[in-house]
Each structure stands twice: as structure tokens, then as C-alpha cells.
C-alpha atoms as a PDB file:
ATOM      1  CA  UNK A   1     -53.191  31.552  56.861  1.00  0.00           C
ATOM      2  CA  UNK A   2     -49.613  30.632  57.747  1.00  0.00           C
ATOM      3  CA  UNK A   3     -49.006  28.097  60.522  1.00  0.00           C
ATOM      4  CA  UNK A   4     -45.423  28.301  61.750  1.00  0.00           C
ATOM      5  CA  UNK A   5     -44.082  25.716  64.176  1.00  0.00           C
ATOM      6  CA  UNK A   6     -41.288  27.121  66.339  1.00  0.00           C
ATOM      7  CA  UNK A   7     -38.622  25.525  68.501  1.00  0.00           C
ATOM      8  CA  UNK A   8     -36.204  27.750  70.402  1.00  0.00           C
ATOM      9  CA  UNK A   9     -33.144  26.349  72.249  1.00  0.00           C
ATOM     10  CA  UNK A  10     -32.898  26.569  76.021  1.00  0.00           C
ATOM     11  CA  UNK A  11     -32.673  30.137  77.200  1.00  0.00           C
ATOM     12  CA  UNK A  12     -29.349  31.402  78.561  1.00  0.00           C
ATOM     13  CA  UNK A  13     -27.363  34.634  78.647  1.00  0.00           C
ATOM     14  CA  UNK A  14     -24.663  33.729  76.115  1.00  0.00           C
ATOM     15  CA  UNK A  15     -24.097  35.620  72.909  1.00  0.00           C
ATOM     16  CA  UNK A  16     -24.457  32.408  70.934  1.00  0.00           C
ATOM     17  CA  UNK A  17     -28.002  31.936  72.223  1.00  0.00           C
ATOM     18  CA  UNK A  18     -28.887  35.532  71.406  1.00  0.00           C
ATOM     19  CA  UNK A  19     -27.535  35.074  67.871  1.00  0.00           C
ATOM     20  CA  UNK A  20     -29.468  31.825  67.359  1.00  0.00           C
ATOM     21  CA  UNK A  21     -32.640  33.400  68.695  1.00  0.00           C
ATOM     22  CA  UNK A  22     -32.359  36.324  66.293  1.00  0.00           C
ATOM     23  CA  UNK A  23     -31.701  33.906  63.403  1.00  0.00           C
ATOM     24  CA  UNK A  24     -34.922  32.067  64.253  1.00  0.00           C
ATOM     25  CA  UNK A  25     -36.893  35.302  64.340  1.00  0.00           C
ATOM     26  CA  UNK A  26     -35.421  36.360  60.979  1.00  0.00           C
ATOM     27  CA  UNK A  27     -36.356  32.994  59.432  1.00  0.00           C
ATOM     28  CA  UNK A  28     -39.921  33.295  60.754  1.00  0.00           C
ATOM     29  CA  UNK A  29     -40.071  36.868  59.463  1.00  0.00           C
ATOM     30  CA  UNK A  30     -39.094  35.682  55.964  1.00  0.00           C
ATOM     31  CA  UNK A  31     -41.877  33.086  56.022  1.00  0.00           C
ATOM     32  CA  UNK A  32     -44.415  35.685  57.072  1.00  0.00           C
ATOM     33  CA  UNK A  33     -43.162  38.122  54.448  1.00  0.00           C
ATOM     34  CA  UNK A  34     -43.755  35.574  51.690  1.00  0.00           C
ATOM     35  CA  UNK A  35     -47.464  35.438  52.598  1.00  0.00           C
ATOM     36  CA  UNK A  36     -48.742  38.942  51.966  1.00  0.00           C
ATOM     37  CA  UNK A  37     -51.682  39.978  54.182  1.00  0.00           C
ATOM     38  CA  UNK A  38     -52.073  36.414  55.485  1.00  0.00           C
ATOM     39  CA  UNK A  39     -53.050  35.623  59.046  1.00  0.00           C
ATOM     40  CA  UNK A  40     -50.229  34.069  61.063  1.00  0.00           C
ATOM     41  CA  UNK A  41     -50.147  31.553  63.907  1.00  0.00           C
ATOM     42  CA  UNK A  42     -46.863  30.829  65.697  1.00  0.00           C
ATOM     43  CA  UNK A  43     -46.901  27.760  67.892  1.00  0.00           C
ATOM     44  CA  UNK A  44     -44.352  25.613  69.618  1.00  0.00           C
ATOM     45  CA  UNK A  45     -41.759  25.333  72.352  1.00  0.00           C
ATOM     46  CA  UNK A  46     -40.251  28.771  72.944  1.00  0.00           C
ATOM     47  CA  UNK A  47     -38.257  27.575  75.985  1.00  0.00           C
ATOM     48  CA  UNK A  48     -38.776  30.940  77.619  1.00  0.00           C
ATOM     49  CA  UNK A  49     -41.306  32.361  80.052  1.00  0.00           C
ATOM     50  CA  UNK A  50     -43.084  35.402  78.638  1.00  0.00           C
ATOM     51  CA  UNK A  51     -42.241  38.138  81.151  1.00  0.00           C
ATOM     52  CA  UNK A  52     -40.677  41.570  80.784  1.00  0.00           C
ATOM     53  CA  UNK A  53     -37.634  40.682  82.885  1.00  0.00           C
ATOM     54  CA  UNK A  54     -36.541  38.184  80.245  1.00  0.00           C
ATOM     55  CA  UNK A  55     -34.409  39.643  77.457  1.00  0.00           C
ATOM     56  CA  UNK A  56     -35.453  36.911  75.011  1.00  0.00           C
ATOM     57  CA  UNK A  57     -39.099  37.765  75.544  1.00  0.00           C
ATOM     58  CA  UNK A  58     -38.398  41.451  74.955  1.00  0.00           C
ATOM     59  CA  UNK A  59     -36.854  40.591  71.568  1.00  0.00           C
ATOM     60  CA  UNK A  60     -39.804  38.359  70.748  1.00  0.00           C
ATOM     61  CA  UNK A  61     -42.276  41.077  71.784  1.00  0.00           C
ATOM     62  CA  UNK A  62     -40.627  43.583  69.449  1.00  0.00           C
ATOM     63  CA  UNK A  63     -40.886  41.018  66.648  1.00  0.00           C
ATOM     64  CA  UNK A  64     -44.565  40.397  67.397  1.00  0.00           C
ATOM     65  CA  UNK A  65     -45.313  44.112  67.518  1.00  0.00           C
ATOM     66  CA  UNK A  66     -43.694  44.556  64.098  1.00  0.00           C
ATOM     67  CA  UNK A  67     -45.847  41.836  62.524  1.00  0.00           C
ATOM     68  CA  UNK A  68     -48.982  42.596  64.595  1.00  0.00           C
ATOM     69  CA  UNK A  69     -48.931  39.287  66.420  1.00  0.00           C
ATOM     70  CA  UNK A  70     -50.242  38.727  69.929  1.00  0.00           C
ATOM     71  CA  UNK A  71     -49.472  35.915  72.385  1.00  0.00           C
ATOM     72  CA  UNK A  72     -52.431  33.998  73.817  1.00  0.00           C
ATOM     73  CA  UNK A  73     -52.279  33.030  77.502  1.00  0.00           C
ATOM     74  CA  UNK A  74     -53.884  29.974  79.017  1.00  0.00           C
ATOM     75  CA  UNK A  75     -57.546  30.319  79.862  1.00  0.00           C
ATOM     76  CA  UNK A  76     -58.686  29.889  83.492  1.00  0.00           C
ATOM     77  CA  UNK A  77     -60.399  26.625  82.524  1.00  0.00           C
ATOM     78  CA  UNK A  78     -57.038  25.042  81.607  1.00  0.00           C
ATOM     79  CA  UNK A  79     -56.348  21.935  83.766  1.00  0.00           C
ATOM     80  CA  UNK A  80     -52.807  23.177  84.519  1.00  0.00           C
ATOM     81  CA  UNK A  81     -51.002  26.509  84.527  1.00  0.00           C
ATOM     82  CA  UNK A  82     -47.807  24.931  83.185  1.00  0.00           C
ATOM     83  CA  UNK A  83     -46.862  23.138  79.962  1.00  0.00           C
ATOM     84  CA  UNK A  84     -43.469  21.804  81.091  1.00  0.00           C
ATOM     85  CA  UNK A  85     -43.047  19.612  84.145  1.00  0.00           C
ATOM     86  CA  UNK A  86     -39.938  17.918  85.486  1.00  0.00           C
ATOM     87  CA  UNK A  87     -41.304  16.017  88.467  1.00  0.00           C
ATOM     88  CA  UNK A  88     -37.971  14.738  89.731  1.00  0.00           C
ATOM     89  CA  UNK A  89     -36.577  18.273  90.115  1.00  0.00           C
ATOM     90  CA  UNK A  90     -40.002  19.804  90.772  1.00  0.00           C
ATOM     91  CA  UNK A  91     -39.634  22.259  87.874  1.00  0.00           C
ATOM     92  CA  UNK A  92     -42.844  23.604  86.354  1.00  0.00           C
ATOM     93  CA  UNK A  93     -43.226  26.391  83.801  1.00  0.00           C
ATOM     94  CA  UNK A  94     -45.330  27.535  80.866  1.00  0.00           C
ATOM     95  CA  UNK A  95     -43.060  27.733  77.819  1.00  0.00           C
ATOM     96  CA  UNK A  96     -45.247  26.354  74.984  1.00  0.00           C
ATOM     97  CA  UNK A  97     -47.271  29.120  73.379  1.00  0.00           C
ATOM     98  CA  UNK A  98     -49.704  30.045  70.669  1.00  0.00           C
ATOM     99  CA  UNK A  99     -49.210  33.476  69.117  1.00  0.00           C
ATOM    100  CA  UNK A 100     -51.588  34.743  66.427  1.00  0.00           C
ATOM    101  CA  UNK A 101     -52.360  37.780  64.315  1.00  0.00           C
ATOM    102  CA  UNK A 102     -54.222  40.370  66.384  1.00  0.00           C
ATOM    103  CA  UNK A 103     -57.309  40.155  64.145  1.00  0.00           C
ATOM    104  CA  UNK A 104     -57.603  36.433  64.993  1.00  0.00           C
ATOM    105  CA  UNK A 105     -57.566  36.885  68.774  1.00  0.00           C
ATOM    106  CA  UNK A 106     -61.317  37.730  69.116  1.00  0.00           C
ATOM    107  CA  UNK A 107     -62.153  34.400  67.446  1.00  0.00           C
ATOM    108  CA  UNK A 108     -60.154  32.342  69.953  1.00  0.00           C
ATOM    109  CA  UNK A 109     -62.472  30.309  72.177  1.00  0.00           C
ATOM    110  CA  UNK A 110     -59.977  28.585  74.450  1.00  0.00           C
ATOM    111  CA  UNK A 111     -56.277  27.956  74.990  1.00  0.00           C
ATOM    112  CA  UNK A 112     -55.517  25.159  77.429  1.00  0.00           C
ATOM    113  CA  UNK A 113     -53.187  22.281  78.174  1.00  0.00           C
ATOM    114  CA  UNK A 114     -54.168  18.624  77.783  1.00  0.00           C
ATOM    115  CA  UNK A 115     -53.268  16.668  80.890  1.00  0.00           C
ATOM    116  CA  UNK A 116     -53.529  12.923  80.195  1.00  0.00           C
ATOM    117  CA  UNK A 117     -51.974   9.832  81.706  1.00  0.00           C
ATOM    118  CA  UNK A 118     -50.826   8.433  78.346  1.00  0.00           C
ATOM    119  CA  UNK A 119     -48.585  11.443  77.685  1.00  0.00           C
ATOM    120  CA  UNK A 120     -44.999  10.262  78.188  1.00  0.00           C
ATOM    121  CA  UNK A 121     -43.342  13.602  77.424  1.00  0.00           C
ATOM    122  CA  UNK A 122     -42.253  16.212  79.970  1.00  0.00           C
ATOM    123  CA  UNK A 123     -44.232  18.735  77.883  1.00  0.00           C
ATOM    124  CA  UNK A 124     -48.020  18.844  77.963  1.00  0.00           C
ATOM    125  CA  UNK A 125     -49.874  19.352  74.674  1.00  0.00           C
ATOM    126  CA  UNK A 126     -51.397  22.807  74.316  1.00  0.00           C
ATOM    127  CA  UNK A 127     -54.577  23.207  72.274  1.00  0.00           C
ATOM    128  CA  UNK A 128     -56.069  26.361  70.794  1.00  0.00           C
ATOM    129  CA  UNK A 129     -59.733  26.277  69.780  1.00  0.00           C
ATOM    130  CA  UNK A 130     -60.841  29.062  67.471  1.00  0.00           C
ATOM    131  CA  UNK A 131     -63.567  30.014  65.010  1.00  0.00           C
ATOM    132  CA  UNK A 132     -62.200  30.070  61.473  1.00  0.00           C
ATOM    133  CA  UNK A 133     -65.244  29.865  59.194  1.00  0.00           C
ATOM    134  CA  UNK A 134     -63.552  31.535  56.229  1.00  0.00           C
ATOM    135  CA  UNK A 135     -60.854  28.870  56.167  1.00  0.00           C
ATOM    136  CA  UNK A 136     -63.059  25.789  56.430  1.00  0.00           C
ATOM    137  CA  UNK A 137     -63.593  25.292  52.710  1.00  0.00           C
ATOM    138  CA  UNK A 138     -59.910  25.898  52.007  1.00  0.00           C
ATOM    139  CA  UNK A 139     -58.873  23.398  54.688  1.00  0.00           C
ATOM    140  CA  UNK A 140     -61.269  20.763  53.371  1.00  0.00           C
ATOM    141  CA  UNK A 141     -59.867  21.128  49.866  1.00  0.00           C
ATOM    142  CA  UNK A 142     -56.310  20.955  51.173  1.00  0.00           C
ATOM    143  CA  UNK A 143     -57.040  17.801  53.158  1.00  0.00           C
ATOM    144  CA  UNK A 144     -58.767  16.162  50.199  1.00  0.00           C
ATOM    145  CA  UNK A 145     -55.830  16.976  47.936  1.00  0.00           C
ATOM    146  CA  UNK A 146     -53.353  15.631  50.482  1.00  0.00           C
ATOM    147  CA  UNK A 147     -55.232  12.345  50.749  1.00  0.00           C
ATOM    148  CA  UNK A 148     -54.477  11.583  47.115  1.00  0.00           C
ATOM    149  CA  UNK A 149     -50.898  10.566  47.972  1.00  0.00           C
ATOM    150  CA  UNK A 150     -51.814   8.267  50.863  1.00  0.00           C
ATOM    151  CA  UNK A 151     -52.461   4.528  50.754  1.00  0.00           C
ATOM    152  CA  UNK A 152     -55.625   3.390  52.561  1.00  0.00           C
ATOM    153  CA  UNK A 153     -56.828  -0.116  53.272  1.00  0.00           C
ATOM    154  CA  UNK A 154     -59.865  -1.791  54.816  1.00  0.00           C
ATOM    155  CA  UNK A 155     -58.983  -3.224  58.214  1.00  0.00           C
ATOM    156  CA  UNK A 156     -61.213  -6.276  58.591  1.00  0.00           C
ATOM    157  CA  UNK A 157     -59.301  -7.296  61.712  1.00  0.00           C
ATOM    158  CA  UNK A 158     -60.625  -4.131  63.408  1.00  0.00           C
ATOM    159  CA  UNK A 159     -64.144  -4.441  61.966  1.00  0.00           C
ATOM    160  CA  UNK A 160     -67.493  -4.939  63.674  1.00  0.00           C
ATOM    161  CA  UNK A 161     -68.579  -7.984  61.670  1.00  0.00           C
ATOM    162  CA  UNK A 162     -71.919  -8.216  63.473  1.00  0.00           C
ATOM    163  CA  UNK A 163     -72.871  -4.694  62.316  1.00  0.00           C
ATOM    164  CA  UNK A 164     -71.617  -5.465  58.820  1.00  0.00           C
ATOM    165  CA  UNK A 165     -73.803  -8.587  58.655  1.00  0.00           C
ATOM    166  CA  UNK A 166     -76.872  -6.711  59.928  1.00  0.00           C
ATOM    167  CA  UNK A 167     -76.246  -3.799  57.578  1.00  0.00           C
ATOM    168  CA  UNK A 168     -75.979  -5.896  54.430  1.00  0.00           C
ATOM    169  CA  UNK A 169     -79.025  -7.938  55.461  1.00  0.00           C
ATOM    170  CA  UNK A 170     -81.215  -4.858  56.014  1.00  0.00           C
ATOM    171  CA  UNK A 171     -80.102  -3.047  52.852  1.00  0.00           C
ATOM    172  CA  UNK A 172     -80.415  -6.097  50.612  1.00  0.00           C
ATOM    173  CA  UNK A 173     -83.927  -6.724  51.922  1.00  0.00           C
ATOM    174  CA  UNK A 174     -85.052  -3.399  50.475  1.00  0.00           C
ATOM    175  CA  UNK A 175     -83.853  -4.122  46.939  1.00  0.00           C
ATOM    176  CA  UNK A 176     -87.324  -5.206  45.865  1.00  0.00           C
ATOM    177  CA  UNK A 177     -88.861  -1.934  47.032  1.00  0.00           C
ATOM    178  CA  UNK A 178     -86.190   0.298  45.537  1.00  0.00           C
ATOM    179  CA  UNK A 179     -86.085  -1.315  42.098  1.00  0.00           C
ATOM    180  CA  UNK A 180     -89.544  -2.869  41.802  1.00  0.00           C
ATOM    181  CA  UNK A 181     -90.663  -0.251  39.292  1.00  0.00           C
ATOM    182  CA  UNK A 182     -87.765  -1.139  36.971  1.00  0.00           C
ATOM    183  CA  UNK A 183     -88.561  -4.868  36.857  1.00  0.00           C
ATOM    184  CA  UNK A 184     -92.343  -4.975  37.277  1.00  0.00           C
ATOM    185  CA  UNK A 185     -92.866  -5.916  33.603  1.00  0.00           C
ATOM    186  CA  UNK A 186     -89.916  -8.293  33.337  1.00  0.00           C
ATOM    187  CA  UNK A 187     -90.652 -12.052  33.034  1.00  0.00           C
ATOM    188  CA  UNK A 188     -88.380 -14.792  34.369  1.00  0.00           C
ATOM    189  CA  UNK A 189     -85.071 -15.012  32.445  1.00  0.00           C
ATOM    190  CA  UNK A 190     -85.702 -11.585  30.950  1.00  0.00           C
ATOM    191  CA  UNK A 191     -82.937 -10.260  28.682  1.00  0.00           C
ATOM    192  CA  UNK A 192     -83.934  -6.602  28.690  1.00  0.00           C
ATOM    193  CA  UNK A 193     -80.503  -5.540  29.896  1.00  0.00           C
ATOM    194  CA  UNK A 194     -81.620  -3.979  33.177  1.00  0.00           C
ATOM    195  CA  UNK A 195     -79.728  -6.396  35.382  1.00  0.00           C
ATOM    196  CA  UNK A 196     -76.948  -3.814  35.745  1.00  0.00           C
ATOM    197  CA  UNK A 197     -79.287  -2.024  38.156  1.00  0.00           C
ATOM    198  CA  UNK A 198     -79.028  -4.973  40.532  1.00  0.00           C
ATOM    199  CA  UNK A 199     -75.230  -4.876  40.329  1.00  0.00           C
ATOM    200  CA  UNK A 200     -75.263  -1.152  40.971  1.00  0.00           C
ATOM    201  CA  UNK A 201     -77.470  -1.582  44.022  1.00  0.00           C
ATOM    202  CA  UNK A 202     -75.264  -4.379  45.359  1.00  0.00           C
ATOM    203  CA  UNK A 203     -72.253  -2.066  45.095  1.00  0.00           C
ATOM    204  CA  UNK A 204     -74.100   0.686  46.975  1.00  0.00           C
ATOM    205  CA  UNK A 205     -75.136  -1.749  49.702  1.00  0.00           C
ATOM    206  CA  UNK A 206     -71.605  -3.045  50.167  1.00  0.00           C
ATOM    207  CA  UNK A 207     -70.116   0.446  50.091  1.00  0.00           C
ATOM    208  CA  UNK A 208     -72.577   1.662  52.740  1.00  0.00           C
ATOM    209  CA  UNK A 209     -72.000  -1.349  54.985  1.00  0.00           C
ATOM    210  CA  UNK A 210     -68.232  -1.005  54.632  1.00  0.00           C
ATOM    211  CA  UNK A 211     -68.324   2.694  55.502  1.00  0.00           C
ATOM    212  CA  UNK A 212     -70.390   2.034  58.629  1.00  0.00           C
ATOM    213  CA  UNK A 213     -68.685  -1.099  59.933  1.00  0.00           C
ATOM    214  CA  UNK A 214     -65.201  -1.576  58.454  1.00  0.00           C
ATOM    215  CA  UNK A 215     -62.553   1.031  59.329  1.00  0.00           C
ATOM    216  CA  UNK A 216     -60.634   2.366  56.344  1.00  0.00           C
ATOM    217  CA  UNK A 217     -57.281   3.519  57.615  1.00  0.00           C
ATOM    218  CA  UNK A 218     -54.023   4.780  56.216  1.00  0.00           C
ATOM    219  CA  UNK A 219     -51.161   2.313  56.117  1.00  0.00           C
ATOM    220  CA  UNK A 220     -49.288   2.416  59.458  1.00  0.00           C
ATOM    221  CA  UNK A 221     -52.303   3.989  61.203  1.00  0.00           C
ATOM    222  CA  UNK A 222     -52.350   0.992  63.547  1.00  0.00           C
ATOM    223  CA  UNK A 223     -49.139  -0.147  65.182  1.00  0.00           C
ATOM    224  CA  UNK A 224     -48.731  -3.760  64.117  1.00  0.00           C
ATOM    225  CA  UNK A 225     -46.690  -4.423  67.279  1.00  0.00           C
ATOM    226  CA  UNK A 226     -49.421  -3.173  69.635  1.00  0.00           C
ATOM    227  CA  UNK A 227     -50.916  -5.882  71.860  1.00  0.00           C
ATOM    228  CA  UNK A 228     -53.387  -6.366  74.706  1.00  0.00           C
ATOM    229  CA  UNK A 229     -50.744  -5.895  77.380  1.00  0.00           C
ATOM    230  CA  UNK A 230     -49.959  -2.410  76.062  1.00  0.00           C
ATOM    231  CA  UNK A 231     -53.681  -1.648  76.181  1.00  0.00           C
ATOM    232  CA  UNK A 232     -53.663  -2.607  79.855  1.00  0.00           C
ATOM    233  CA  UNK A 233     -50.564  -0.502  80.569  1.00  0.00           C
ATOM    234  CA  UNK A 234     -52.164   2.492  78.842  1.00  0.00           C
ATOM    235  CA  UNK A 235     -55.450   2.064  80.747  1.00  0.00           C
ATOM    236  CA  UNK A 236     -53.661   1.794  84.095  1.00  0.00           C
ATOM    237  CA  UNK A 237     -51.570   4.873  83.318  1.00  0.00           C
ATOM    238  CA  UNK A 238     -54.677   6.896  82.451  1.00  0.00           C
ATOM    239  CA  UNK A 239     -56.632   5.689  85.482  1.00  0.00           C
ATOM    240  CA  UNK A 240     -53.819   6.328  87.961  1.00  0.00           C
ATOM    241  CA  UNK A 241     -53.273   9.782  86.473  1.00  0.00           C
ATOM    242  CA  UNK A 242     -56.974  10.652  86.794  1.00  0.00           C
ATOM    243  CA  UNK A 243     -56.979   9.543  90.442  1.00  0.00           C
ATOM    244  CA  UNK A 244     -53.896  11.665  91.078  1.00  0.00           C
ATOM    245  CA  UNK A 245     -55.541  14.708  89.462  1.00  0.00           C
ATOM    246  CA  UNK A 246     -58.768  14.136  91.452  1.00  0.00           C
ATOM    247  CA  UNK A 247     -56.686  14.161  94.649  1.00  0.00           C
ATOM    248  CA  UNK A 248     -55.364  17.677  93.745  1.00  0.00           C
ATOM    249  CA  UNK A 249     -52.016  16.420  92.399  1.00  0.00           C
ATOM    250  CA  UNK A 250     -50.130  15.377  95.558  1.00  0.00           C
ATOM    251  CA  UNK A 251     -46.364  15.298  95.095  1.00  0.00           C
ATOM    252  CA  UNK A 252     -45.853  12.371  97.470  1.00  0.00           C
ATOM    253  CA  UNK A 253     -47.775   9.408  98.809  1.00  0.00           C
ATOM    254  CA  UNK A 254     -49.377   6.287  97.359  1.00  0.00           C
ATOM    255  CA  UNK A 255     -51.298   7.993  94.531  1.00  0.00           C
ATOM    256  CA  UNK A 256     -48.208   9.856  93.356  1.00  0.00           C
ATOM    257  CA  UNK A 257     -46.060   6.705  93.469  1.00  0.00           C
ATOM    258  CA  UNK A 258     -48.719   4.696  91.641  1.00  0.00           C
ATOM    259  CA  UNK A 259     -49.018   7.329  88.903  1.00  0.00           C
ATOM    260  CA  UNK A 260     -45.268   7.363  88.312  1.00  0.00           C
ATOM    261  CA  UNK A 261     -45.008   3.546  88.407  1.00  0.00           C
ATOM    262  CA  UNK A 262     -47.838   3.035  85.903  1.00  0.00           C
ATOM    263  CA  UNK A 263     -46.449   5.649  83.530  1.00  0.00           C
ATOM    264  CA  UNK A 264     -42.956   4.129  83.728  1.00  0.00           C
ATOM    265  CA  UNK A 265     -44.409   0.668  83.074  1.00  0.00           C
ATOM    266  CA  UNK A 266     -46.279   2.004  80.017  1.00  0.00           C
ATOM    267  CA  UNK A 267     -43.145   3.733  78.721  1.00  0.00           C
ATOM    268  CA  UNK A 268     -41.017   0.589  79.115  1.00  0.00           C
ATOM    269  CA  UNK A 269     -43.675  -1.517  77.393  1.00  0.00           C
ATOM    270  CA  UNK A 270     -43.716   0.809  74.389  1.00  0.00           C
ATOM    271  CA  UNK A 271     -39.942   0.855  74.170  1.00  0.00           C
ATOM    272  CA  UNK A 272     -39.627  -2.934  74.318  1.00  0.00           C
ATOM    273  CA  UNK A 273     -42.395  -3.530  71.749  1.00  0.00           C
ATOM    274  CA  UNK A 274     -40.850  -1.052  69.308  1.00  0.00           C
ATOM    275  CA  UNK A 275     -37.410  -2.604  69.735  1.00  0.00           C
ATOM    276  CA  UNK A 276     -38.727  -6.155  69.287  1.00  0.00           C
ATOM    277  CA  UNK A 277     -40.777  -5.098  66.241  1.00  0.00           C
ATOM    278  CA  UNK A 278     -37.675  -3.709  64.524  1.00  0.00           C
ATOM    279  CA  UNK A 279     -35.804  -6.955  65.168  1.00  0.00           C
ATOM    280  CA  UNK A 280     -38.745  -9.033  63.943  1.00  0.00           C
ATOM    281  CA  UNK A 281     -39.046  -7.107  60.658  1.00  0.00           C
ATOM    282  CA  UNK A 282     -35.286  -7.133  60.150  1.00  0.00           C
ATOM    283  CA  UNK A 283     -35.153 -10.899  60.664  1.00  0.00           C
ATOM    284  CA  UNK A 284     -38.079 -11.495  58.310  1.00  0.00           C
ATOM    285  CA  UNK A 285     -36.516  -9.342  55.587  1.00  0.00           C
ATOM    286  CA  UNK A 286     -33.174 -11.065  56.129  1.00  0.00           C
ATOM    287  CA  UNK A 287     -34.755 -14.505  55.693  1.00  0.00           C
ATOM    288  CA  UNK A 288     -36.412 -13.421  52.439  1.00  0.00           C
ATOM    289  CA  UNK A 289     -33.096 -12.140  51.113  1.00  0.00           C
ATOM    290  CA  UNK A 290     -31.256 -15.316  52.122  1.00  0.00           C
ATOM    291  CA  UNK A 291     -33.859 -17.446  50.343  1.00  0.00           C
ATOM    292  CA  UNK A 292     -33.919 -15.058  47.351  1.00  0.00           C
ATOM    293  CA  UNK A 293     -37.655 -14.629  47.860  1.00  0.00           C
ATOM    294  CA  UNK A 294     -38.225 -11.325  46.076  1.00  0.00           C
ATOM    295  CA  UNK A 295     -42.017 -11.577  46.327  1.00  0.00           C
ATOM    296  CA  UNK A 296     -41.938 -12.254  50.065  1.00  0.00           C
ATOM    297  CA  UNK A 297     -39.444  -9.435  50.591  1.00  0.00           C
ATOM    298  CA  UNK A 298     -41.664  -6.910  48.765  1.00  0.00           C
ATOM    299  CA  UNK A 299     -44.759  -8.065  50.654  1.00  0.00           C
ATOM    300  CA  UNK A 300     -43.021  -7.730  54.007  1.00  0.00           C
ATOM    301  CA  UNK A 301     -41.564  -4.339  53.122  1.00  0.00           C
ATOM    302  CA  UNK A 302     -44.836  -2.929  51.770  1.00  0.00           C
ATOM    303  CA  UNK A 303     -46.900  -4.200  54.695  1.00  0.00           C
ATOM    304  CA  UNK A 304     -44.679  -2.373  57.178  1.00  0.00           C
ATOM    305  CA  UNK A 305     -43.279   0.667  55.382  1.00  0.00           C
ATOM    306  CA  UNK A 306     -45.292   1.488  52.267  1.00  0.00           C
ATOM    307  CA  UNK A 307     -46.755   4.989  52.623  1.00  0.00           C
ATOM    308  CA  UNK A 308     -47.545   6.442  49.220  1.00  0.00           C
ATOM    309  CA  UNK A 309     -49.096   5.215  46.048  1.00  0.00           C
ATOM    310  CA  UNK A 310     -46.842   4.688  43.099  1.00  0.00           C
ATOM    311  CA  UNK A 311     -46.888   7.588  40.674  1.00  0.00           C
ATOM    312  CA  UNK A 312     -47.620   6.512  37.106  1.00  0.00           C
ATOM    313  CA  UNK A 313     -46.377   8.778  34.349  1.00  0.00           C
ATOM    314  CA  UNK A 314     -47.086   8.580  30.657  1.00  0.00           C
ATOM    315  CA  UNK A 315     -44.258   9.552  28.346  1.00  0.00           C
END
């Protein structure tokens, strides 16, 4: 299956726009042509409303008909009927679409927007839920292969140490039952060489407890500059948005003003933390360079920016 992410410039009536639009369609057509008999999903910001009065849509419809692709409208259960909202100008439209091969359409369960208070974009995310059983094994293999290039680490600062303590205690208590048959004839200070079984069991216990209690995350999964105040801003933004939605989305009044204020506060908090984090890292790296501290420089750089494992080659 080919997943093609599409972005189309803002729609207008100029010849330049028409030329750019056709170039995009030709590029997508080349991608589809390289995957013989593969199912296709086009997704993204088309910046155009799908209606027959729109010339851009008519060109897109001809393209879809040629490649046997069908657009998928929002389902009635979608929380909104729009994916783009400009509240200041009161502009609302649905311009973010999923289009898929016609033989995939019967397997689509739902297409809907995701309306959440922590979304700071003027576009709402659009999700498409579908049954794809034939692709599950392929996707799992692809994900497993992709993980080989990522760096993961145990985040003890995010761990549930109480669960880890209970888990190791319970598992270690069963060691006598699990391995009693192997040591029932062994005297004290036995040198039969079976002690490796104890080491093996210890490793299994620790691995199980780690998997259940200690998050193993990719480097940069957590934002090192995130703090409790940002958590509060995010919670307030979500709560005020939910209250606004429950009140049938009024476009004026206290709930509307509170929603906009909380979202603006959350946005400013993110911007300031990101800016301060860049300055903090830059200053720390600068100090290491000034003091000619190569080890400290590498540690600081790797802790913030390292993404992939080093590739070792044998010549």
C-alpha cells in the first residue's frame, strides 16, 4: 500500500496555481505508477473544498477517476463538519481529506476530525479508521525494522518505583518454586555448575519488572524543557475547550473568551519554554567549548540531540 501525503497551495484562479496543481498531480501519479497494483491512500491539506463548482476539484476528480481513487467524506459521528477554522475571521471549511483506492472504501469504519483543546493549529487532525488485516504483518515487520536505527533508554525519572519494588519482590519469591527441581540434590557450597540458572532467572525477573514499571522511550520522546506549569496550561486548555464544546460552541461570551485565553496561555508557555531551552543548551555547549571540555560537550550534545545508533562497519 502506498501512503501519499499531499499539500496543495491556497486555491486561486491564476494560471500559476493551475500549473502548480497539475505538477502536484503528476508527481503523485508517478509515485502511484511505481507501485504496480498497490492500494493507494492520499491524505493531507488539499486547500480546496470538494464541490463541482470548483475547477481544482474537477481536475482532482479526473485524476482520481483515472487511478480508481475515491474521496472519503466525514462520517455523521464526526465532532465537527470542518477541518479548518479561523475563529477571528469566522472562516470554517473542510479542506483536509482522505482519498483511497475504491477497493479499500468498504473497509473504512470511520472518518472524523479530532477536536481537542491542546491543538494549537488552525487545522483539526482528521483520522481514518479502517480494517486492513492483510497489511498487519507487513506493518509489524516494517515497524520492527525501523526500530533498529533508533536509540532507546530506560526513563527511571518517569518510573513507578513502587510497582517495580513490588514486582521484583513477588517474582524473586517464586525462585524456589520455579527452580527447586534443579537444586533439590545440591548440598551447600555445591559446585555442580547450575548456578547460571539463578542468574538467568534474575535477568528474567528484572526484565519483566522493567517492562511493567519502567518506561523505555526513544531519545527525545520526552521534552526535557517540559515542566509542571505547562501541564497546568495544557489541562486548563483541554478543560475550557470541553466546556465550550458542551455548551454547543458559542462564538461569544465567557466560555468562548475563557477557551481562547487558556489556549493562548498554553501556546505562549510552549513558545517561551522552547526558546529558553535553546538558549540553555547553547550556553551549556558554549561553556564546554570555552573550557575545552570535550567529554562534557559530547554528553550535552548526545543527551539533547542524539537520535540514531552509530553504525559500525567492518572493512
